[in-house]
Amino acid sequence: MSRDIPDLYFHFGGTHVHHLNYGIFILSAVGAVLLFEPPSGKWLGAIAIAYGVGLALTFDEFGMWLHLGGGYWQRASFDAVTIVAGILLLLAYTPPIRYWTRRRFAWAIFLLAILSIFFWRLSVTLISIEQKTLPKLERLKKLGPR
């Protein structure tokens, strides 16, 4: 955007193609493979890695799902990524419900409370950073490719 380094992004007809689109195509391919030819053995691991890459590329630009027009560097983009990251972390470390005991339920509530406090403090802290950097990012955006 600042033109300090060469533009390495893919452009189609003068439009920047965001990596959100790459993630969607990868997820579509993984879905097709799982639907039409379910893999086994080493291919199952490869499909899992491809799914993770597609999910990462897609959720990295999750804010664009909500704000397809207007400024890309919006507060909602950061908030959306933070919320998705928190939910994915909770899902990754939560055992199946049939294994829940009172102790695990208490830990889940504790973890949810800690994550809520952390993300709240993080958002409060980043407000001042956003106010300082947003004008510069908007200027860079205006100078960048369309």
N, C-alpha and C. Protein backbone atom coordinates (compact mmCIF):
# COMPACT_ATOMS: atom_id res chain seq x y z
N MET A 1 0.81 -1.19 0.00
CA MET A 1 0.00 0.00 0.00
C MET A 1 0.85 1.26 0.00
N SER A 2 1.98 1.22 0.72
CA SER A 2 2.83 2.41 0.74
C SER A 2 3.82 2.41 -0.41
N ARG A 3 3.84 1.34 -1.19
CA ARG A 3 4.72 1.19 -2.35
C ARG A 3 6.20 1.10 -1.97
N ASP A 4 6.51 0.78 -0.70
CA ASP A 4 7.89 0.59 -0.28
C ASP A 4 8.45 -0.73 -0.79
N ILE A 5 7.57 -1.71 -1.00
CA ILE A 5 7.97 -3.00 -1.56
C ILE A 5 7.10 -3.28 -2.77
N PRO A 6 7.53 -4.16 -3.66
CA PRO A 6 6.71 -4.45 -4.84
C PRO A 6 5.34 -5.02 -4.46
N ASP A 7 4.37 -4.76 -5.28
CA ASP A 7 3.02 -5.27 -5.07
C ASP A 7 2.99 -6.74 -5.48
N LEU A 8 2.84 -7.63 -4.51
CA LEU A 8 2.85 -9.07 -4.76
C LEU A 8 1.45 -9.67 -4.78
N TYR A 9 0.44 -8.85 -4.72
CA TYR A 9 -0.93 -9.35 -4.67
C TYR A 9 -1.46 -9.65 -6.05
N PHE A 10 -2.39 -10.57 -6.11
CA PHE A 10 -3.02 -10.92 -7.37
C PHE A 10 -4.13 -9.90 -7.66
N HIS A 11 -4.09 -9.36 -8.86
CA HIS A 11 -5.11 -8.41 -9.30
C HIS A 11 -5.80 -8.99 -10.52
N PHE A 12 -7.11 -8.82 -10.56
CA PHE A 12 -7.89 -9.30 -11.70
C PHE A 12 -8.72 -8.13 -12.19
N GLY A 13 -8.42 -7.66 -13.39
CA GLY A 13 -9.15 -6.52 -13.93
C GLY A 13 -9.01 -5.28 -13.08
N GLY A 14 -7.85 -5.08 -12.46
CA GLY A 14 -7.63 -3.91 -11.62
C GLY A 14 -8.18 -4.05 -10.21
N THR A 15 -8.75 -5.19 -9.88
CA THR A 15 -9.31 -5.42 -8.55
C THR A 15 -8.40 -6.35 -7.76
N HIS A 16 -8.09 -5.96 -6.54
CA HIS A 16 -7.27 -6.79 -5.65
C HIS A 16 -8.09 -7.99 -5.21
N VAL A 17 -7.57 -9.19 -5.42
CA VAL A 17 -8.25 -10.41 -4.99
C VAL A 17 -7.71 -10.76 -3.60
N HIS A 18 -8.57 -10.65 -2.60
CA HIS A 18 -8.17 -10.91 -1.22
C HIS A 18 -8.00 -12.40 -0.98
N HIS A 19 -7.17 -12.75 0.01
CA HIS A 19 -6.94 -14.16 0.29
C HIS A 19 -8.16 -14.85 0.90
N LEU A 20 -9.17 -14.09 1.25
CA LEU A 20 -10.45 -14.66 1.64
C LEU A 20 -10.96 -15.58 0.53
N ASN A 21 -10.79 -15.15 -0.70
CA ASN A 21 -11.26 -15.94 -1.85
C ASN A 21 -10.47 -17.24 -1.99
N TYR A 22 -9.16 -17.19 -1.75
CA TYR A 22 -8.36 -18.42 -1.81
C TYR A 22 -8.86 -19.41 -0.77
N GLY A 23 -9.15 -18.91 0.43
CA GLY A 23 -9.65 -19.78 1.49
C GLY A 23 -10.97 -20.42 1.13
N ILE A 24 -11.85 -19.66 0.50
CA ILE A 24 -13.15 -20.21 0.09
C ILE A 24 -12.96 -21.31 -0.94
N PHE A 25 -12.06 -21.10 -1.91
CA PHE A 25 -11.80 -22.13 -2.92
C PHE A 25 -11.19 -23.39 -2.30
N ILE A 26 -10.26 -23.21 -1.35
CA ILE A 26 -9.66 -24.37 -0.70
C ILE A 26 -10.71 -25.13 0.10
N LEU A 27 -11.56 -24.42 0.85
CA LEU A 27 -12.62 -25.08 1.62
C LEU A 27 -13.60 -25.80 0.69
N SER A 28 -13.89 -25.21 -0.45
CA SER A 28 -14.78 -25.86 -1.42
C SER A 28 -14.16 -27.14 -1.95
N ALA A 29 -12.86 -27.10 -2.25
CA ALA A 29 -12.17 -28.30 -2.75
C ALA A 29 -12.14 -29.39 -1.68
N VAL A 30 -11.86 -29.01 -0.44
CA VAL A 30 -11.85 -29.99 0.65
C VAL A 30 -13.24 -30.61 0.81
N GLY A 31 -14.27 -29.78 0.75
CA GLY A 31 -15.63 -30.30 0.84
C GLY A 31 -15.96 -31.27 -0.27
N ALA A 32 -15.53 -30.95 -1.49
CA ALA A 32 -15.78 -31.84 -2.62
C ALA A 32 -15.05 -33.17 -2.44
N VAL A 33 -13.80 -33.11 -1.99
CA VAL A 33 -13.05 -34.35 -1.77
C VAL A 33 -13.72 -35.20 -0.70
N LEU A 34 -14.12 -34.58 0.39
CA LEU A 34 -14.77 -35.34 1.47
C LEU A 34 -16.12 -35.90 1.05
N LEU A 35 -16.80 -35.20 0.17
CA LEU A 35 -18.11 -35.65 -0.29
C LEU A 35 -18.02 -36.76 -1.32
N PHE A 36 -17.12 -36.62 -2.28
CA PHE A 36 -17.09 -37.56 -3.41
C PHE A 36 -16.08 -38.69 -3.25
N GLU A 37 -14.99 -38.46 -2.55
CA GLU A 37 -13.96 -39.50 -2.40
C GLU A 37 -13.31 -39.35 -1.03
N PRO A 38 -13.99 -39.79 0.04
CA PRO A 38 -13.43 -39.63 1.39
C PRO A 38 -12.05 -40.28 1.50
N PRO A 39 -11.05 -39.52 1.94
CA PRO A 39 -9.69 -40.05 2.01
C PRO A 39 -9.46 -40.92 3.24
N SER A 40 -8.36 -41.64 3.22
CA SER A 40 -7.96 -42.42 4.38
C SER A 40 -6.44 -42.39 4.47
N GLY A 41 -5.92 -42.80 5.60
CA GLY A 41 -4.48 -42.86 5.77
C GLY A 41 -3.83 -41.49 5.73
N LYS A 42 -2.71 -41.40 5.00
CA LYS A 42 -1.95 -40.14 4.95
C LYS A 42 -2.74 -39.03 4.26
N TRP A 43 -3.65 -39.38 3.37
CA TRP A 43 -4.44 -38.36 2.68
C TRP A 43 -5.41 -37.67 3.63
N LEU A 44 -5.84 -38.37 4.65
CA LEU A 44 -6.74 -37.75 5.63
C LEU A 44 -6.02 -36.60 6.34
N GLY A 45 -4.75 -36.81 6.68
CA GLY A 45 -3.96 -35.74 7.30
C GLY A 45 -3.75 -34.57 6.36
N ALA A 46 -3.51 -34.87 5.08
CA ALA A 46 -3.32 -33.80 4.09
C ALA A 46 -4.59 -32.98 3.92
N ILE A 47 -5.73 -33.65 3.90
CA ILE A 47 -7.01 -32.94 3.79
C ILE A 47 -7.26 -32.08 5.03
N ALA A 48 -6.89 -32.60 6.20
CA ALA A 48 -7.05 -31.83 7.44
C ALA A 48 -6.19 -30.57 7.39
N ILE A 49 -4.97 -30.68 6.88
CA ILE A 49 -4.09 -29.51 6.76
C ILE A 49 -4.67 -28.52 5.76
N ALA A 50 -5.16 -29.01 4.63
CA ALA A 50 -5.77 -28.12 3.63
C ALA A 50 -6.99 -27.41 4.22
N TYR A 51 -7.78 -28.13 5.00
CA TYR A 51 -8.94 -27.51 5.65
C TYR A 51 -8.49 -26.40 6.60
N GLY A 52 -7.45 -26.67 7.38
CA GLY A 52 -6.93 -25.66 8.31
C GLY A 52 -6.42 -24.42 7.59
N VAL A 53 -5.72 -24.63 6.48
CA VAL A 53 -5.21 -23.50 5.69
C VAL A 53 -6.37 -22.69 5.12
N GLY A 54 -7.36 -23.38 4.55
CA GLY A 54 -8.52 -22.68 4.00
C GLY A 54 -9.29 -21.92 5.06
N LEU A 55 -9.45 -22.53 6.23
CA LEU A 55 -10.15 -21.87 7.33
C LEU A 55 -9.38 -20.65 7.80
N ALA A 56 -8.05 -20.77 7.89
CA ALA A 56 -7.23 -19.64 8.33
C ALA A 56 -7.31 -18.48 7.33
N LEU A 57 -7.21 -18.79 6.04
CA LEU A 57 -7.28 -17.73 5.03
C LEU A 57 -8.65 -17.05 5.04
N THR A 58 -9.69 -17.82 5.26
CA THR A 58 -11.04 -17.26 5.25
C THR A 58 -11.30 -16.43 6.50
N PHE A 59 -10.98 -16.97 7.67
CA PHE A 59 -11.26 -16.25 8.91
C PHE A 59 -10.30 -15.10 9.15
N ASP A 60 -9.15 -15.10 8.48
CA ASP A 60 -8.24 -13.96 8.61
C ASP A 60 -8.90 -12.68 8.11
N GLU A 61 -9.77 -12.82 7.15
CA GLU A 61 -10.48 -11.65 6.62
C GLU A 61 -11.97 -11.72 6.95
N PHE A 62 -12.28 -12.28 8.12
CA PHE A 62 -13.67 -12.44 8.54
C PHE A 62 -14.40 -11.11 8.60
N GLY A 63 -13.70 -10.04 8.94
CA GLY A 63 -14.33 -8.72 8.99
C GLY A 63 -14.92 -8.30 7.66
N MET A 64 -14.35 -8.80 6.57
CA MET A 64 -14.88 -8.47 5.24
C MET A 64 -16.25 -9.11 5.01
N TRP A 65 -16.55 -10.18 5.74
CA TRP A 65 -17.86 -10.80 5.60
C TRP A 65 -18.94 -9.81 6.03
N LEU A 66 -18.62 -9.01 7.03
CA LEU A 66 -19.61 -8.09 7.58
C LEU A 66 -19.57 -6.72 6.91
N HIS A 67 -18.40 -6.34 6.40
CA HIS A 67 -18.23 -5.01 5.82
C HIS A 67 -17.56 -5.14 4.46
N LEU A 68 -18.33 -5.50 3.47
CA LEU A 68 -17.76 -5.68 2.14
C LEU A 68 -17.47 -4.35 1.46
N GLY A 69 -18.11 -3.30 1.89
CA GLY A 69 -17.84 -1.98 1.33
C GLY A 69 -17.23 -1.10 2.39
N GLY A 70 -16.79 0.07 2.00
CA GLY A 70 -16.24 1.01 2.96
C GLY A 70 -14.83 0.68 3.34
N GLY A 71 -14.40 1.25 4.46
CA GLY A 71 -13.03 1.07 4.91
C GLY A 71 -12.76 -0.35 5.37
N TYR A 72 -11.65 -0.88 4.89
CA TYR A 72 -11.28 -2.24 5.27
C TYR A 72 -10.76 -2.29 6.70
N TRP A 73 -10.06 -1.25 7.12
CA TRP A 73 -9.46 -1.23 8.45
C TRP A 73 -10.47 -0.71 9.46
N GLN A 74 -11.59 -1.36 9.58
CA GLN A 74 -12.62 -0.94 10.51
C GLN A 74 -12.47 -1.68 11.82
N ARG A 75 -12.98 -1.08 12.86
CA ARG A 75 -12.94 -1.69 14.18
C ARG A 75 -13.67 -3.03 14.18
N ALA A 76 -14.74 -3.14 13.42
CA ALA A 76 -15.52 -4.38 13.38
C ALA A 76 -14.70 -5.53 12.83
N SER A 77 -13.76 -5.25 11.93
CA SER A 77 -12.92 -6.32 11.39
C SER A 77 -12.07 -6.94 12.49
N PHE A 78 -11.47 -6.11 13.32
CA PHE A 78 -10.67 -6.64 14.43
C PHE A 78 -11.54 -7.38 15.42
N ASP A 79 -12.68 -6.79 15.77
CA ASP A 79 -13.57 -7.44 16.72
C ASP A 79 -14.04 -8.80 16.23
N ALA A 80 -14.36 -8.88 14.95
CA ALA A 80 -14.83 -10.15 14.40
C ALA A 80 -13.75 -11.21 14.46
N VAL A 81 -12.53 -10.86 14.11
CA VAL A 81 -11.42 -11.83 14.16
C VAL A 81 -11.17 -12.26 15.60
N THR A 82 -11.23 -11.33 16.54
CA THR A 82 -11.02 -11.66 17.94
C THR A 82 -12.08 -12.62 18.46
N ILE A 83 -13.32 -12.37 18.11
CA ILE A 83 -14.41 -13.23 18.56
C ILE A 83 -14.27 -14.62 17.96
N VAL A 84 -13.99 -14.70 16.68
CA VAL A 84 -13.82 -16.01 16.03
C VAL A 84 -12.65 -16.77 16.64
N ALA A 85 -11.54 -16.08 16.90
CA ALA A 85 -10.38 -16.74 17.50
C ALA A 85 -10.73 -17.29 18.88
N GLY A 86 -11.43 -16.51 19.67
CA GLY A 86 -11.84 -16.98 20.99
C GLY A 86 -12.75 -18.19 20.94
N ILE A 87 -13.71 -18.16 20.03
CA ILE A 87 -14.63 -19.29 19.89
C ILE A 87 -13.89 -20.54 19.43
N LEU A 88 -12.99 -20.39 18.45
CA LEU A 88 -12.22 -21.55 17.96
C LEU A 88 -11.32 -22.11 19.05
N LEU A 89 -10.72 -21.24 19.87
CA LEU A 89 -9.90 -21.73 20.98
C LEU A 89 -10.75 -22.50 21.99
N LEU A 90 -11.91 -21.97 22.30
CA LEU A 90 -12.79 -22.69 23.23
C LEU A 90 -13.19 -24.05 22.67
N LEU A 91 -13.54 -24.08 21.40
CA LEU A 91 -13.94 -25.35 20.79
C LEU A 91 -12.78 -26.34 20.72
N ALA A 92 -11.58 -25.85 20.48
CA ALA A 92 -10.43 -26.74 20.36
C ALA A 92 -10.08 -27.40 21.69
N TYR A 93 -10.29 -26.71 22.79
CA TYR A 93 -9.88 -27.24 24.09
C TYR A 93 -11.05 -27.73 24.94
N THR A 94 -12.22 -27.80 24.37
CA THR A 94 -13.37 -28.31 25.11
C THR A 94 -13.59 -29.77 24.74
N PRO A 95 -13.63 -30.65 25.73
CA PRO A 95 -13.87 -32.06 25.42
C PRO A 95 -15.33 -32.27 25.01
N PRO A 96 -15.63 -33.41 24.41
CA PRO A 96 -17.03 -33.69 24.07
C PRO A 96 -17.92 -33.60 25.32
N ILE A 97 -19.14 -33.17 25.13
CA ILE A 97 -20.06 -32.90 26.24
C ILE A 97 -20.29 -34.14 27.11
N ARG A 98 -20.19 -35.33 26.53
CA ARG A 98 -20.43 -36.55 27.32
C ARG A 98 -19.35 -36.77 28.39
N TYR A 99 -18.20 -36.11 28.25
CA TYR A 99 -17.11 -36.24 29.22
C TYR A 99 -17.09 -35.10 30.24
N TRP A 100 -18.03 -34.19 30.15
CA TRP A 100 -18.03 -33.06 31.06
C TRP A 100 -18.39 -33.50 32.47
N THR A 101 -17.61 -33.02 33.42
CA THR A 101 -17.92 -33.19 34.83
C THR A 101 -18.15 -31.80 35.39
N ARG A 102 -18.50 -31.73 36.65
CA ARG A 102 -18.70 -30.40 37.26
C ARG A 102 -17.40 -29.60 37.22
N ARG A 103 -16.29 -30.29 37.43
CA ARG A 103 -15.00 -29.61 37.42
C ARG A 103 -14.71 -29.03 36.03
N ARG A 104 -14.94 -29.80 34.98
CA ARG A 104 -14.69 -29.30 33.62
C ARG A 104 -15.65 -28.16 33.27
N PHE A 105 -16.89 -28.29 33.72
CA PHE A 105 -17.86 -27.22 33.48
C PHE A 105 -17.38 -25.94 34.17
N ALA A 106 -16.87 -26.06 35.39
CA ALA A 106 -16.37 -24.89 36.12
C ALA A 106 -15.16 -24.29 35.39
N TRP A 107 -14.26 -25.14 34.88
CA TRP A 107 -13.11 -24.64 34.13
C TRP A 107 -13.54 -23.95 32.84
N ALA A 108 -14.55 -24.49 32.18
CA ALA A 108 -15.04 -23.86 30.95
C ALA A 108 -15.59 -22.46 31.24
N ILE A 109 -16.34 -22.33 32.31
CA ILE A 109 -16.88 -21.02 32.69
C ILE A 109 -15.74 -20.08 33.06
N PHE A 110 -14.76 -20.59 33.81
CA PHE A 110 -13.61 -19.78 34.19
C PHE A 110 -12.85 -19.30 32.96
N LEU A 111 -12.60 -20.21 32.02
CA LEU A 111 -11.89 -19.85 30.79
C LEU A 111 -12.67 -18.82 29.98
N LEU A 112 -13.97 -19.00 29.89
CA LEU A 112 -14.80 -18.03 29.17
C LEU A 112 -14.74 -16.66 29.84
N ALA A 113 -14.77 -16.63 31.17
CA ALA A 113 -14.68 -15.35 31.89
C ALA A 113 -13.33 -14.69 31.67
N ILE A 114 -12.25 -15.47 31.75
CA ILE A 114 -10.90 -14.92 31.55
C ILE A 114 -10.75 -14.38 30.13
N LEU A 115 -11.22 -15.15 29.14
CA LEU A 115 -11.13 -14.69 27.75
C LEU A 115 -11.95 -13.42 27.54
N SER A 116 -13.11 -13.35 28.17
CA SER A 116 -13.95 -12.15 28.04
C SER A 116 -13.23 -10.93 28.60
N ILE A 117 -12.63 -11.09 29.78
CA ILE A 117 -11.90 -9.98 30.39
C ILE A 117 -10.70 -9.60 29.52
N PHE A 118 -9.97 -10.60 29.03
CA PHE A 118 -8.80 -10.33 28.19
C PHE A 118 -9.19 -9.55 26.94
N PHE A 119 -10.21 -10.02 26.22
CA PHE A 119 -10.59 -9.35 24.98
C PHE A 119 -11.17 -7.97 25.25
N TRP A 120 -11.85 -7.80 26.37
CA TRP A 120 -12.36 -6.47 26.73
C TRP A 120 -11.19 -5.52 26.98
N ARG A 121 -10.20 -5.95 27.77
CA ARG A 121 -9.03 -5.10 28.04
C ARG A 121 -8.24 -4.83 26.76
N LEU A 122 -8.12 -5.84 25.92
CA LEU A 122 -7.41 -5.67 24.67
C LEU A 122 -8.10 -4.62 23.80
N SER A 123 -9.42 -4.68 23.73
CA SER A 123 -10.13 -3.71 22.90
C SER A 123 -10.02 -2.30 23.47
N VAL A 124 -10.05 -2.17 24.79
CA VAL A 124 -9.89 -0.85 25.41
C VAL A 124 -8.50 -0.29 25.11
N THR A 125 -7.49 -1.15 25.20
CA THR A 125 -6.12 -0.72 24.94
C THR A 125 -5.93 -0.32 23.49
N LEU A 126 -6.53 -1.06 22.58
CA LEU A 126 -6.32 -0.82 21.16
C LEU A 126 -7.09 0.39 20.62
N ILE A 127 -8.02 0.91 21.39
CA ILE A 127 -8.76 2.09 20.92
C ILE A 127 -7.81 3.26 20.68
N SER A 128 -6.89 3.49 21.62
CA SER A 128 -5.96 4.61 21.43
C SER A 128 -5.01 4.35 20.27
N ILE A 129 -4.58 3.10 20.11
CA ILE A 129 -3.71 2.77 18.97
C ILE A 129 -4.47 2.97 17.66
N GLU A 130 -5.73 2.56 17.64
CA GLU A 130 -6.54 2.72 16.43
C GLU A 130 -6.69 4.19 16.07
N GLN A 131 -6.91 5.03 17.06
CA GLN A 131 -7.09 6.45 16.79
C GLN A 131 -5.83 7.08 16.22
N LYS A 132 -4.67 6.55 16.59
CA LYS A 132 -3.41 7.09 16.08
C LYS A 132 -3.07 6.55 14.69
N THR A 133 -3.39 5.29 14.43
CA THR A 133 -2.95 4.67 13.18
C THR A 133 -4.00 4.69 12.08
N LEU A 134 -5.27 4.81 12.41
CA LEU A 134 -6.31 4.75 11.39
C LEU A 134 -6.16 5.82 10.31
N PRO A 135 -5.87 7.07 10.66
CA PRO A 135 -5.70 8.06 9.58
C PRO A 135 -4.57 7.69 8.61
N LYS A 136 -3.46 7.18 9.14
CA LYS A 136 -2.35 6.78 8.27
C LYS A 136 -2.76 5.61 7.38
N LEU A 137 -3.46 4.64 7.93
CA LEU A 137 -3.91 3.49 7.13
C LEU A 137 -4.89 3.93 6.04
N GLU A 138 -5.75 4.87 6.36
CA GLU A 138 -6.70 5.36 5.36
C GLU A 138 -5.96 6.07 4.22
N ARG A 139 -4.92 6.84 4.55
CA ARG A 139 -4.12 7.50 3.51
C ARG A 139 -3.43 6.46 2.63
N LEU A 140 -2.86 5.42 3.25
CA LEU A 140 -2.21 4.36 2.49
C LEU A 140 -3.21 3.64 1.59
N LYS A 141 -4.42 3.46 2.09
CA LYS A 141 -5.45 2.78 1.30
C LYS A 141 -5.79 3.59 0.05
N LYS A 142 -5.87 4.90 0.20
CA LYS A 142 -6.19 5.75 -0.95
C LYS A 142 -5.09 5.71 -2.00
N LEU A 143 -3.84 5.49 -1.56
CA LEU A 143 -2.71 5.42 -2.49
C LEU A 143 -2.57 4.05 -3.14
N GLY A 144 -3.21 3.04 -2.55
CA GLY A 144 -3.05 1.66 -3.02
C GLY A 144 -3.86 1.36 -4.27
N PRO A 145 -3.70 0.13 -4.76
CA PRO A 145 -4.44 -0.26 -5.97
C PRO A 145 -5.94 -0.31 -5.72
N ARG A 146 -6.69 -0.16 -6.76
CA ARG A 146 -8.15 -0.17 -6.64
C ARG A 146 -8.68 -1.51 -7.02
